[in-house]
Amino acid sequence: MIHKDLVQSGSRHVARITFTLPACVWTDTVNLVGDFNNWHHSSHPFRRERDGQWSLTIDLEAGPAYQFCYLLDGKEWTSEQQADAFVRDSYGRSSFVVLTEFGAEAPRAAA
């Protein structure tokens, strides 16, 4: 699941994105890998919540579309059914897209 909010962070707007995977995902680690972190395999680890779900919240510059994938245990890629879109690269690999373009909404203050 993906939840998005537009928040004010200092003098700029950011998209606060929360990525959540269900408790039924059996793995030891989950990492968010994408173009926003140069496809680094371990820089954005999820944390396991008390209810067993996996989650990660990050702030991204509002406006661009970002490509991403989930990496389980450092070797298995998994999909996000609620991504805004998906794309295939020239090698036939799929990645998912989260859009951070917001309408004329007033941003919330960053916590």
PDB file of N, CA and C in Angstrom:
ATOM      1  N   MET A   1       0.840  -1.166   0.000  1.00  0.00           N
ATOM      2  CA  MET A   1       0.000   0.000   0.000  1.00  0.00           C
ATOM      3  C   MET A   1       0.890   1.235   0.000  1.00  0.00           C
ATOM      4  N   ILE A   2       0.429   2.282  -0.656  1.00  0.00           N
ATOM      5  CA  ILE A   2       1.158   3.541  -0.705  1.00  0.00           C
ATOM      6  C   ILE A   2       0.222   4.647  -0.236  1.00  0.00           C
ATOM      7  N   HIS A   3       0.715   5.442   0.726  1.00  0.00           N
ATOM      8  CA  HIS A   3      -0.044   6.593   1.206  1.00  0.00           C
ATOM      9  C   HIS A   3       0.807   7.832   0.969  1.00  0.00           C
ATOM     10  N   LYS A   4       0.198   8.895   0.396  1.00  0.00           N
ATOM     11  CA  LYS A   4       0.937  10.109   0.049  1.00  0.00           C
ATOM     12  C   LYS A   4       0.304  11.324   0.710  1.00  0.00           C
ATOM     13  N   ASP A   5       1.172  12.212   1.200  1.00  0.00           N
ATOM     14  CA  ASP A   5       0.748  13.504   1.723  1.00  0.00           C
ATOM     15  C   ASP A   5       1.690  14.570   1.194  1.00  0.00           C
ATOM     16  N   LEU A   6       1.173  15.750   0.968  1.00  0.00           N
ATOM     17  CA  LEU A   6       1.994  16.907   0.642  1.00  0.00           C
ATOM     18  C   LEU A   6       2.224  17.667   1.935  1.00  0.00           C
ATOM     19  N   VAL A   7       3.481  17.899   2.290  1.00  0.00           N
ATOM     20  CA  VAL A   7       3.791  18.598   3.536  1.00  0.00           C
ATOM     21  C   VAL A   7       4.758  19.743   3.259  1.00  0.00           C
ATOM     22  N   GLN A   8       4.722  20.726   4.128  1.00  0.00           N
ATOM     23  CA  GLN A   8       5.655  21.847   4.064  1.00  0.00           C
ATOM     24  C   GLN A   8       6.870  21.485   4.904  1.00  0.00           C
ATOM     25  N   SER A   9       8.046  21.549   4.295  1.00  0.00           N
ATOM     26  CA  SER A   9       9.286  21.259   5.008  1.00  0.00           C
ATOM     27  C   SER A   9      10.200  22.457   4.809  1.00  0.00           C
ATOM     28  N   GLY A  10      10.256  23.316   5.820  1.00  0.00           N
ATOM     29  CA  GLY A  10      10.990  24.568   5.666  1.00  0.00           C
ATOM     30  C   GLY A  10      10.296  25.429   4.631  1.00  0.00           C
ATOM     31  N   SER A  11      11.024  25.833   3.605  1.00  0.00           N
ATOM     32  CA  SER A  11      10.444  26.702   2.578  1.00  0.00           C
ATOM     33  C   SER A  11       9.977  25.937   1.344  1.00  0.00           C
ATOM     34  N   ARG A  12      10.017  24.621   1.393  1.00  0.00           N
ATOM     35  CA  ARG A  12       9.635  23.851   0.205  1.00  0.00           C
ATOM     36  C   ARG A  12       8.563  22.812   0.534  1.00  0.00           C
ATOM     37  N   HIS A  13       7.905  22.349  -0.513  1.00  0.00           N
ATOM     38  CA  HIS A  13       6.907  21.291  -0.388  1.00  0.00           C
ATOM     39  C   HIS A  13       7.574  19.962  -0.680  1.00  0.00           C
ATOM     40  N   VAL A  14       7.238  18.967   0.105  1.00  0.00           N
ATOM     41  CA  VAL A  14       7.734  17.613  -0.143  1.00  0.00           C
ATOM     42  C   VAL A  14       6.558  16.648  -0.137  1.00  0.00           C
ATOM     43  N   ALA A  15       6.751  15.558  -0.839  1.00  0.00           N
ATOM     44  CA  ALA A  15       5.769  14.473  -0.833  1.00  0.00           C
ATOM     45  C   ALA A  15       6.225  13.480   0.227  1.00  0.00           C
ATOM     46  N   ARG A  16       5.429  13.306   1.265  1.00  0.00           N
ATOM     47  CA  ARG A  16       5.725  12.313   2.306  1.00  0.00           C
ATOM     48  C   ARG A  16       5.004  11.033   1.898  1.00  0.00           C
ATOM     49  N   ILE A  17       5.786  10.017   1.574  1.00  0.00           N
ATOM     50  CA  ILE A  17       5.252   8.770   1.041  1.00  0.00           C
ATOM     51  C   ILE A  17       5.488   7.655   2.058  1.00  0.00           C
ATOM     52  N   THR A  18       4.413   6.936   2.403  1.00  0.00           N
ATOM     53  CA  THR A  18       4.536   5.765   3.267  1.00  0.00           C
ATOM     54  C   THR A  18       4.238   4.527   2.436  1.00  0.00           C
ATOM     55  N   PHE A  19       5.216   3.630   2.398  1.00  0.00           N
ATOM     56  CA  PHE A  19       5.099   2.351   1.709  1.00  0.00           C
ATOM     57  C   PHE A  19       4.841   1.285   2.774  1.00  0.00           C
ATOM     58  N   THR A  20       3.862   0.425   2.558  1.00  0.00           N
ATOM     59  CA  THR A  20       3.519  -0.621   3.528  1.00  0.00           C
ATOM     60  C   THR A  20       3.330  -1.943   2.799  1.00  0.00           C
ATOM     61  N   LEU A  21       3.923  -2.977   3.357  1.00  0.00           N
ATOM     62  CA  LEU A  21       3.704  -4.342   2.874  1.00  0.00           C
ATOM     63  C   LEU A  21       3.016  -5.132   3.981  1.00  0.00           C
ATOM     64  N   PRO A  22       2.138  -6.060   3.629  1.00  0.00           N
ATOM     65  CA  PRO A  22       1.369  -6.793   4.644  1.00  0.00           C
ATOM     66  C   PRO A  22       2.224  -7.762   5.455  1.00  0.00           C
ATOM     67  N   ALA A  23       1.706  -8.145   6.595  1.00  0.00           N
ATOM     68  CA  ALA A  23       2.392  -9.069   7.503  1.00  0.00           C
ATOM     69  C   ALA A  23       2.637 -10.426   6.866  1.00  0.00           C
ATOM     70  N   CYS A  24       1.858 -10.789   5.863  1.00  0.00           N
ATOM     71  CA  CYS A  24       2.012 -12.100   5.229  1.00  0.00           C
ATOM     72  C   CYS A  24       3.242 -12.188   4.331  1.00  0.00           C
ATOM     73  N   VAL A  25       3.974 -11.088   4.160  1.00  0.00           N
ATOM     74  CA  VAL A  25       5.222 -11.133   3.396  1.00  0.00           C
ATOM     75  C   VAL A  25       6.285 -11.747   4.295  1.00  0.00           C
ATOM     76  N   TRP A  26       6.678 -12.982   3.969  1.00  0.00           N
ATOM     77  CA  TRP A  26       7.649 -13.719   4.794  1.00  0.00           C
ATOM     78  C   TRP A  26       9.050 -13.443   4.283  1.00  0.00           C
ATOM     79  N   THR A  27       9.780 -12.638   5.053  1.00  0.00           N
ATOM     80  CA  THR A  27      11.126 -12.254   4.684  1.00  0.00           C
ATOM     81  C   THR A  27      11.838 -11.730   5.928  1.00  0.00           C
ATOM     82  N   ASP A  28      13.131 -11.643   5.871  1.00  0.00           N
ATOM     83  CA  ASP A  28      13.888 -11.066   6.988  1.00  0.00           C
ATOM     84  C   ASP A  28      14.143  -9.580   6.799  1.00  0.00           C
ATOM     85  N   THR A  29      14.271  -9.137   5.542  1.00  0.00           N
ATOM     86  CA  THR A  29      14.499  -7.719   5.265  1.00  0.00           C
ATOM     87  C   THR A  29      13.709  -7.288   4.047  1.00  0.00           C
ATOM     88  N   VAL A  30      13.312  -6.009   4.044  1.00  0.00           N
ATOM     89  CA  VAL A  30      12.685  -5.365   2.893  1.00  0.00           C
ATOM     90  C   VAL A  30      13.389  -4.031   2.709  1.00  0.00           C
ATOM     91  N   ASN A  31      13.775  -3.733   1.483  1.00  0.00           N
ATOM     92  CA  ASN A  31      14.391  -2.449   1.167  1.00  0.00           C
ATOM     93  C   ASN A  31      13.668  -1.812   0.000  1.00  0.00           C
ATOM     94  N   LEU A  32      13.551  -0.491   0.056  1.00  0.00           N
ATOM     95  CA  LEU A  32      12.992   0.289  -1.035  1.00  0.00           C
ATOM     96  C   LEU A  32      14.159   0.726  -1.913  1.00  0.00           C
ATOM     97  N   VAL A  33      14.091   0.376  -3.178  1.00  0.00           N
ATOM     98  CA  VAL A  33      15.169   0.655  -4.126  1.00  0.00           C
ATOM     99  C   VAL A  33      14.563   1.448  -5.271  1.00  0.00           C
ATOM    100  N   GLY A  34      15.192   2.567  -5.643  1.00  0.00           N
ATOM    101  CA  GLY A  34      14.617   3.360  -6.724  1.00  0.00           C
ATOM    102  C   GLY A  34      15.563   4.406  -7.274  1.00  0.00           C
ATOM    103  N   ASP A  35      15.044   5.158  -8.239  1.00  0.00           N
ATOM    104  CA  ASP A  35      15.879   6.180  -8.854  1.00  0.00           C
ATOM    105  C   ASP A  35      16.200   7.319  -7.891  1.00  0.00           C
ATOM    106  N   PHE A  36      15.411   7.505  -6.845  1.00  0.00           N
ATOM    107  CA  PHE A  36      15.653   8.549  -5.848  1.00  0.00           C
ATOM    108  C   PHE A  36      16.869   8.238  -4.965  1.00  0.00           C
ATOM    109  N   ASN A  37      17.318   6.964  -4.941  1.00  0.00           N
ATOM    110  CA  ASN A  37      18.503   6.599  -4.154  1.00  0.00           C
ATOM    111  C   ASN A  37      19.548   5.884  -5.022  1.00  0.00           C
ATOM    112  N   ASN A  38      19.507   6.193  -6.341  1.00  0.00           N
ATOM    113  CA  ASN A  38      20.442   5.601  -7.307  1.00  0.00           C
ATOM    114  C   ASN A  38      20.423   4.075  -7.281  1.00  0.00           C
ATOM    115  N   TRP A  39      19.241   3.502  -7.003  1.00  0.00           N
ATOM    116  CA  TRP A  39      19.026   2.058  -7.013  1.00  0.00           C
ATOM    117  C   TRP A  39      19.925   1.337  -6.005  1.00  0.00           C
ATOM    118  N   HIS A  40      20.210   2.019  -4.906  1.00  0.00           N
ATOM    119  CA  HIS A  40      21.025   1.420  -3.838  1.00  0.00           C
ATOM    120  C   HIS A  40      20.194   0.365  -3.124  1.00  0.00           C
ATOM    121  N   HIS A  41      20.731  -0.820  -2.937  1.00  0.00           N
ATOM    122  CA  HIS A  41      19.968  -1.965  -2.427  1.00  0.00           C
ATOM    123  C   HIS A  41      19.718  -1.966  -0.931  1.00  0.00           C
ATOM    124  N   SER A  42      20.385  -1.119  -0.149  1.00  0.00           N
ATOM    125  CA  SER A  42      20.182  -1.204   1.299  1.00  0.00           C
ATOM    126  C   SER A  42      20.032   0.141   2.006  1.00  0.00           C
ATOM    127  N   SER A  43      19.941   1.234   1.270  1.00  0.00           N
ATOM    128  CA  SER A  43      19.895   2.549   1.922  1.00  0.00           C
ATOM    129  C   SER A  43      18.535   2.906   2.509  1.00  0.00           C
ATOM    130  N   HIS A  44      17.470   2.210   2.110  1.00  0.00           N
ATOM    131  CA  HIS A  44      16.127   2.518   2.600  1.00  0.00           C
ATOM    132  C   HIS A  44      15.430   1.251   3.114  1.00  0.00           C
ATOM    133  N   PRO A  45      15.841   0.774   4.298  1.00  0.00           N
ATOM    134  CA  PRO A  45      15.222  -0.440   4.851  1.00  0.00           C
ATOM    135  C   PRO A  45      13.847  -0.162   5.472  1.00  0.00           C
ATOM    136  N   PHE A  46      12.946  -1.095   5.304  1.00  0.00           N
ATOM    137  CA  PHE A  46      11.645  -1.044   5.982  1.00  0.00           C
ATOM    138  C   PHE A  46      11.844  -1.492   7.423  1.00  0.00           C
ATOM    139  N   ARG A  47      10.881  -1.159   8.262  1.00  0.00           N
ATOM    140  CA  ARG A  47      10.905  -1.696   9.630  1.00  0.00           C
ATOM    141  C   ARG A  47       9.646  -2.535   9.804  1.00  0.00           C
ATOM    142  N   ARG A  48       9.781  -3.560  10.601  1.00  0.00           N
ATOM    143  CA  ARG A  48       8.646  -4.447  10.884  1.00  0.00           C
ATOM    144  C   ARG A  48       7.877  -3.875  12.056  1.00  0.00           C
ATOM    145  N   GLU A  49       6.588  -3.646  11.879  1.00  0.00           N
ATOM    146  CA  GLU A  49       5.730  -3.070  12.909  1.00  0.00           C
ATOM    147  C   GLU A  49       5.255  -4.165  13.866  1.00  0.00           C
ATOM    148  N   ARG A  50       4.671  -3.761  14.974  1.00  0.00           N
ATOM    149  CA  ARG A  50       4.154  -4.731  15.964  1.00  0.00           C
ATOM    150  C   ARG A  50       3.113  -5.666  15.384  1.00  0.00           C
ATOM    151  N   ASP A  51       2.308  -5.148  14.433  1.00  0.00           N
ATOM    152  CA  ASP A  51       1.269  -5.981  13.823  1.00  0.00           C
ATOM    153  C   ASP A  51       1.807  -6.880  12.711  1.00  0.00           C
ATOM    154  N   GLY A  52       3.132  -6.829  12.474  1.00  0.00           N
ATOM    155  CA  GLY A  52       3.766  -7.677  11.475  1.00  0.00           C
ATOM    156  C   GLY A  52       3.935  -7.036  10.114  1.00  0.00           C
ATOM    157  N   GLN A  53       3.256  -5.905   9.882  1.00  0.00           N
ATOM    158  CA  GLN A  53       3.410  -5.219   8.604  1.00  0.00           C
ATOM    159  C   GLN A  53       4.808  -4.608   8.501  1.00  0.00           C
ATOM    160  N   TRP A  54       5.248  -4.413   7.267  1.00  0.00           N
ATOM    161  CA  TRP A  54       6.506  -3.739   6.969  1.00  0.00           C
ATOM    162  C   TRP A  54       6.179  -2.329   6.511  1.00  0.00           C
ATOM    163  N   SER A  55       6.921  -1.304   6.988  1.00  0.00           N
ATOM    164  CA  SER A  55       6.627   0.054   6.529  1.00  0.00           C
ATOM    165  C   SER A  55       7.881   0.914   6.473  1.00  0.00           C
ATOM    166  N   LEU A  56       7.787   1.938   5.635  1.00  0.00           N
ATOM    167  CA  LEU A  56       8.846   2.921   5.476  1.00  0.00           C
ATOM    168  C   LEU A  56       8.209   4.212   5.000  1.00  0.00           C
ATOM    169  N   THR A  57       8.564   5.320   5.637  1.00  0.00           N
ATOM    170  CA  THR A  57       8.099   6.636   5.215  1.00  0.00           C
ATOM    171  C   THR A  57       9.306   7.456   4.793  1.00  0.00           C
ATOM    172  N   ILE A  58       9.216   8.059   3.602  1.00  0.00           N
ATOM    173  CA  ILE A  58      10.295   8.910   3.113  1.00  0.00           C
ATOM    174  C   ILE A  58       9.710  10.200   2.555  1.00  0.00           C
ATOM    175  N   ASP A  59      10.518  11.246   2.537  1.00  0.00           N
ATOM    176  CA  ASP A  59      10.148  12.517   1.922  1.00  0.00           C
ATOM    177  C   ASP A  59      10.877  12.632   0.594  1.00  0.00           C
ATOM    178  N   LEU A  60      10.117  12.949  -0.457  1.00  0.00           N
ATOM    179  CA  LEU A  60      10.673  13.140  -1.787  1.00  0.00           C
ATOM    180  C   LEU A  60      10.252  14.516  -2.294  1.00  0.00           C
ATOM    181  N   GLU A  61      11.036  15.076  -3.167  1.00  0.00           N
ATOM    182  CA  GLU A  61      10.668  16.357  -3.778  1.00  0.00           C
ATOM    183  C   GLU A  61       9.318  16.196  -4.469  1.00  0.00           C
ATOM    184  N   ALA A  62       8.398  17.103  -4.196  1.00  0.00           N
ATOM    185  CA  ALA A  62       7.074  17.034  -4.810  1.00  0.00           C
ATOM    186  C   ALA A  62       7.175  17.415  -6.285  1.00  0.00           C
ATOM    187  N   GLY A  63       6.424  16.693  -7.114  1.00  0.00           N
ATOM    188  CA  GLY A  63       6.364  16.997  -8.534  1.00  0.00           C
ATOM    189  C   GLY A  63       6.790  15.850  -9.425  1.00  0.00           C
ATOM    190  N   PRO A  64       8.016  15.343  -9.285  1.00  0.00           N
ATOM    191  CA  PRO A  64       8.467  14.279 -10.194  1.00  0.00           C
ATOM    192  C   PRO A  64       7.766  12.940  -9.952  1.00  0.00           C
ATOM    193  N   ALA A  65       7.878  12.081 -10.941  1.00  0.00           N
ATOM    194  CA  ALA A  65       7.485  10.680 -10.805  1.00  0.00           C
ATOM    195  C   ALA A  65       8.755   9.908 -10.475  1.00  0.00           C
ATOM    196  N   TYR A  66       8.664   8.976  -9.533  1.00  0.00           N
ATOM    197  CA  TYR A  66       9.824   8.198  -9.108  1.00  0.00           C
ATOM    198  C   TYR A  66       9.596   6.727  -9.400  1.00  0.00           C
ATOM    199  N   GLN A  67      10.627   6.057  -9.921  1.00  0.00           N
ATOM    200  CA  GLN A  67      10.572   4.617 -10.144  1.00  0.00           C
ATOM    201  C   GLN A  67      11.133   3.911  -8.918  1.00  0.00           C
ATOM    202  N   PHE A  68      10.555   2.753  -8.596  1.00  0.00           N
ATOM    203  CA  PHE A  68      11.006   2.008  -7.428  1.00  0.00           C
ATOM    204  C   PHE A  68      10.654   0.534  -7.543  1.00  0.00           C
ATOM    205  N   CYS A  69      11.264  -0.269  -6.681  1.00  0.00           N
ATOM    206  CA  CYS A  69      10.951  -1.687  -6.495  1.00  0.00           C
ATOM    207  C   CYS A  69      11.180  -2.018  -5.031  1.00  0.00           C
ATOM    208  N   TYR A  70      10.634  -3.137  -4.589  1.00  0.00           N
ATOM    209  CA  TYR A  70      10.914  -3.657  -3.256  1.00  0.00           C
ATOM    210  C   TYR A  70      11.887  -4.818  -3.409  1.00  0.00           C
ATOM    211  N   LEU A  71      12.888  -4.862  -2.539  1.00  0.00           N
ATOM    212  CA  LEU A  71      13.870  -5.940  -2.562  1.00  0.00           C
ATOM    213  C   LEU A  71      13.780  -6.706  -1.251  1.00  0.00           C
ATOM    214  N   LEU A  72      13.457  -7.999  -1.331  1.00  0.00           N
ATOM    215  CA  LEU A  72      13.305  -8.858  -0.166  1.00  0.00           C
ATOM    216  C   LEU A  72      14.568  -9.686   0.036  1.00  0.00           C
ATOM    217  N   ASP A  73      15.089  -9.661   1.253  1.00  0.00           N
ATOM    218  CA  ASP A  73      16.277 -10.438   1.614  1.00  0.00           C
ATOM    219  C   ASP A  73      17.456 -10.214   0.667  1.00  0.00           C
ATOM    220  N   GLY A  74      17.520  -9.049   0.051  1.00  0.00           N
ATOM    221  CA  GLY A  74      18.640  -8.711  -0.815  1.00  0.00           C
ATOM    222  C   GLY A  74      18.708  -9.452  -2.127  1.00  0.00           C
ATOM    223  N   LYS A  75      17.647 -10.228  -2.470  1.00  0.00           N
ATOM    224  CA  LYS A  75      17.742 -11.023  -3.697  1.00  0.00           C
ATOM    225  C   LYS A  75      16.437 -11.199  -4.461  1.00  0.00           C
ATOM    226  N   GLU A  76      15.295 -10.984  -3.840  1.00  0.00           N
ATOM    227  CA  GLU A  76      14.013 -11.219  -4.513  1.00  0.00           C
ATOM    228  C   GLU A  76      13.265  -9.900  -4.673  1.00  0.00           C
ATOM    229  N   TRP A  77      12.907  -9.577  -5.915  1.00  0.00           N
ATOM    230  CA  TRP A  77      12.158  -8.357  -6.196  1.00  0.00           C
ATOM    231  C   TRP A  77      10.678  -8.666  -6.108  1.00  0.00           C
ATOM    232  N   THR A  78       9.905  -7.725  -5.559  1.00  0.00           N
ATOM    233  CA  THR A  78       8.459  -7.923  -5.473  1.00  0.00           C
ATOM    234  C   THR A  78       7.747  -6.660  -5.932  1.00  0.00           C
ATOM    235  N   SER A  79       6.486  -6.806  -6.277  1.00  0.00           N
ATOM    236  CA  SER A  79       5.728  -5.727  -6.892  1.00  0.00           C
ATOM    237  C   SER A  79       4.873  -4.964  -5.885  1.00  0.00           C
ATOM    238  N   GLU A  80       4.346  -3.864  -6.356  1.00  0.00           N
ATOM    239  CA  GLU A  80       3.417  -3.027  -5.576  1.00  0.00           C
ATOM    240  C   GLU A  80       2.158  -2.846  -6.400  1.00  0.00           C
ATOM    241  N   GLN A  81       1.090  -3.492  -5.978  1.00  0.00           N
ATOM    242  CA  GLN A  81      -0.167  -3.455  -6.725  1.00  0.00           C
ATOM    243  C   GLN A  81      -0.795  -2.061  -6.762  1.00  0.00           C
ATOM    244  N   GLN A  82      -0.472  -1.213  -5.798  1.00  0.00           N
ATOM    245  CA  GLN A  82      -1.074   0.120  -5.744  1.00  0.00           C
ATOM    246  C   GLN A  82      -0.174   1.210  -6.307  1.00  0.00           C
ATOM    247  N   ALA A  83       0.858   0.834  -7.034  1.00  0.00           N
ATOM    248  CA  ALA A  83       1.706   1.832  -7.683  1.00  0.00           C
ATOM    249  C   ALA A  83       0.864   2.620  -8.681  1.00  0.00           C
ATOM    250  N   ASP A  84       1.287   3.836  -8.941  1.00  0.00           N
ATOM    251  CA  ASP A  84       0.552   4.676  -9.890  1.00  0.00           C
ATOM    252  C   ASP A  84       0.717   4.192 -11.332  1.00  0.00           C
ATOM    253  N   ALA A  85       1.825   3.508 -11.614  1.00  0.00           N
ATOM    254  CA  ALA A  85       2.089   2.982 -12.953  1.00  0.00           C
ATOM    255  C   ALA A  85       3.242   1.989 -12.848  1.00  0.00           C
ATOM    256  N   PHE A  86       3.548   1.339 -13.962  1.00  0.00           N
ATOM    257  CA  PHE A  86       4.764   0.536 -14.014  1.00  0.00           C
ATOM    258  C   PHE A  86       5.416   0.762 -15.370  1.00  0.00           C
ATOM    259  N   VAL A  87       6.722   0.580 -15.402  1.00  0.00           N
ATOM    260  CA  VAL A  87       7.485   0.766 -16.639  1.00  0.00           C
ATOM    261  C   VAL A  87       8.427  -0.417 -16.808  1.00  0.00           C
ATOM    262  N   ARG A  88       8.795  -0.661 -18.051  1.00  0.00           N
ATOM    263  CA  ARG A  88       9.745  -1.720 -18.376  1.00  0.00           C
ATOM    264  C   ARG A  88      10.974  -1.055 -18.989  1.00  0.00           C
ATOM    265  N   ASP A  89      12.156  -1.448 -18.510  1.00  0.00           N
ATOM    266  CA  ASP A  89      13.369  -0.862 -19.079  1.00  0.00           C
ATOM    267  C   ASP A  89      13.791  -1.637 -20.333  1.00  0.00           C
ATOM    268  N   SER A  90      14.879  -1.205 -20.945  1.00  0.00           N
ATOM    269  CA  SER A  90      15.321  -1.822 -22.197  1.00  0.00           C
ATOM    270  C   SER A  90      15.790  -3.261 -22.023  1.00  0.00           C
ATOM    271  N   TYR A  91      15.996  -3.697 -20.766  1.00  0.00           N
ATOM    272  CA  TYR A  91      16.390  -5.077 -20.492  1.00  0.00           C
ATOM    273  C   TYR A  91      15.186  -5.959 -20.164  1.00  0.00           C
ATOM    274  N   GLY A  92      13.979  -5.393 -20.193  1.00  0.00           N
ATOM    275  CA  GLY A  92      12.773  -6.151 -19.908  1.00  0.00           C
ATOM    276  C   GLY A  92      12.397  -6.225 -18.445  1.00  0.00           C
ATOM    277  N   ARG A  93      13.142  -5.519 -17.585  1.00  0.00           N
ATOM    278  CA  ARG A  93      12.831  -5.509 -16.157  1.00  0.00           C
ATOM    279  C   ARG A  93      11.734  -4.483 -15.876  1.00  0.00           C
ATOM    280  N   SER A  94      10.880  -4.801 -14.913  1.00  0.00           N
ATOM    281  CA  SER A  94       9.797  -3.890 -14.531  1.00  0.00           C
ATOM    282  C   SER A  94      10.169  -3.124 -13.279  1.00  0.00           C
ATOM    283  N   SER A  95       9.758  -1.879 -13.239  1.00  0.00           N
ATOM    284  CA  SER A  95       9.803  -1.116 -11.992  1.00  0.00           C
ATOM    285  C   SER A  95       8.472  -0.383 -11.880  1.00  0.00           C
ATOM    286  N   PHE A  96       8.215   0.119 -10.710  1.00  0.00           N
ATOM    287  CA  PHE A  96       6.932   0.727 -10.421  1.00  0.00           C
ATOM    288  C   PHE A  96       7.115   2.224 -10.257  1.00  0.00           C
ATOM    289  N   VAL A  97       6.029   2.966 -10.351  1.00  0.00           N
ATOM    290  CA  VAL A  97       6.097   4.423 -10.342  1.00  0.00           C
ATOM    291  C   VAL A  97       5.191   4.968  -9.253  1.00  0.00           C
ATOM    292  N   VAL A  98       5.716   5.935  -8.496  1.00  0.00           N
ATOM    293  CA  VAL A  98       4.896   6.692  -7.567  1.00  0.00           C
ATOM    294  C   VAL A  98       4.935   8.143  -8.043  1.00  0.00           C
ATOM    295  N   LEU A  99       3.748   8.715  -8.213  1.00  0.00           N
ATOM    296  CA  LEU A  99       3.631  10.101  -8.647  1.00  0.00           C
ATOM    297  C   LEU A  99       3.574  11.008  -7.435  1.00  0.00           C
ATOM    298  N   THR A 100       4.256  12.139  -7.506  1.00  0.00           N
ATOM    299  CA  THR A 100       4.267  13.077  -6.375  1.00  0.00           C
ATOM    300  C   THR A 100       3.712  14.426  -6.773  1.00  0.00           C
ATOM    301  N   GLU A 101       2.975  14.475  -7.857  1.00  0.00           N
ATOM    302  CA  GLU A 101       2.342  15.707  -8.316  1.00  0.00           C
ATOM    303  C   GLU A 101       1.037  15.868  -7.554  1.00  0.00           C
ATOM    304  N   PHE A 102       0.862  16.987  -6.920  1.00  0.00           N
ATOM    305  CA  PHE A 102      -0.349  17.269  -6.163  1.00  0.00           C
ATOM    306  C   PHE A 102      -1.068  18.429  -6.826  1.00  0.00           C
ATOM    307  N   GLY A 103      -2.380  18.458  -6.695  1.00  0.00           N
ATOM    308  CA  GLY A 103      -3.166  19.567  -7.240  1.00  0.00           C
ATOM    309  C   GLY A 103      -2.948  20.821  -6.416  1.00  0.00           C
ATOM    310  N   ALA A 104      -3.954  21.617  -6.298  1.00  0.00           N
ATOM    311  CA  ALA A 104      -3.873  22.892  -5.587  1.00  0.00           C
ATOM    312  C   ALA A 104      -4.115  22.726  -4.098  1.00  0.00           C
ATOM    313  N   GLU A 105      -3.764  21.571  -3.561  1.00  0.00           N
ATOM    314  CA  GLU A 105      -3.971  21.303  -2.130  1.00  0.00           C
ATOM    315  C   GLU A 105      -3.049  22.163  -1.291  1.00  0.00           C
ATOM    316  N   ALA A 106      -3.530  22.572  -0.148  1.00  0.00           N
ATOM    317  CA  ALA A 106      -2.670  23.268   0.806  1.00  0.00           C
ATOM    318  C   ALA A 106      -1.803  22.245   1.533  1.00  0.00           C
ATOM    319  N   PRO A 107      -0.499  22.464   1.604  1.00  0.00           N
ATOM    320  CA  PRO A 107       0.348  21.491   2.292  1.00  0.00           C
ATOM    321  C   PRO A 107       0.161  21.524   3.787  1.00  0.00           C
ATOM    322  N   ARG A 108       0.389  20.372   4.405  1.00  0.00           N
ATOM    323  CA  ARG A 108       0.391  20.284   5.865  1.00  0.00           C
ATOM    324  C   ARG A 108       1.773  20.653   6.364  1.00  0.00           C
ATOM    325  N   ALA A 109       1.869  21.082   7.597  1.00  0.00           N
ATOM    326  CA  ALA A 109       3.169  21.366   8.184  1.00  0.00           C
ATOM    327  C   ALA A 109       3.870  20.056   8.461  1.00  0.00           C
ATOM    328  N   ALA A 110       5.165  20.001   8.179  1.00  0.00           N
ATOM    329  CA  ALA A 110       5.932  18.782   8.435  1.00  0.00           C
ATOM    330  C   ALA A 110       6.057  18.550   9.927  1.00  0.00           C
ATOM    331  N   ALA A 111       5.951  17.294  10.332  1.00  0.00           N
ATOM    332  CA  ALA A 111       6.055  16.953  11.747  1.00  0.00           C
ATOM    333  C   ALA A 111       7.490  16.749  12.151  1.00  0.00           C
TER     334      ALA A 111
END
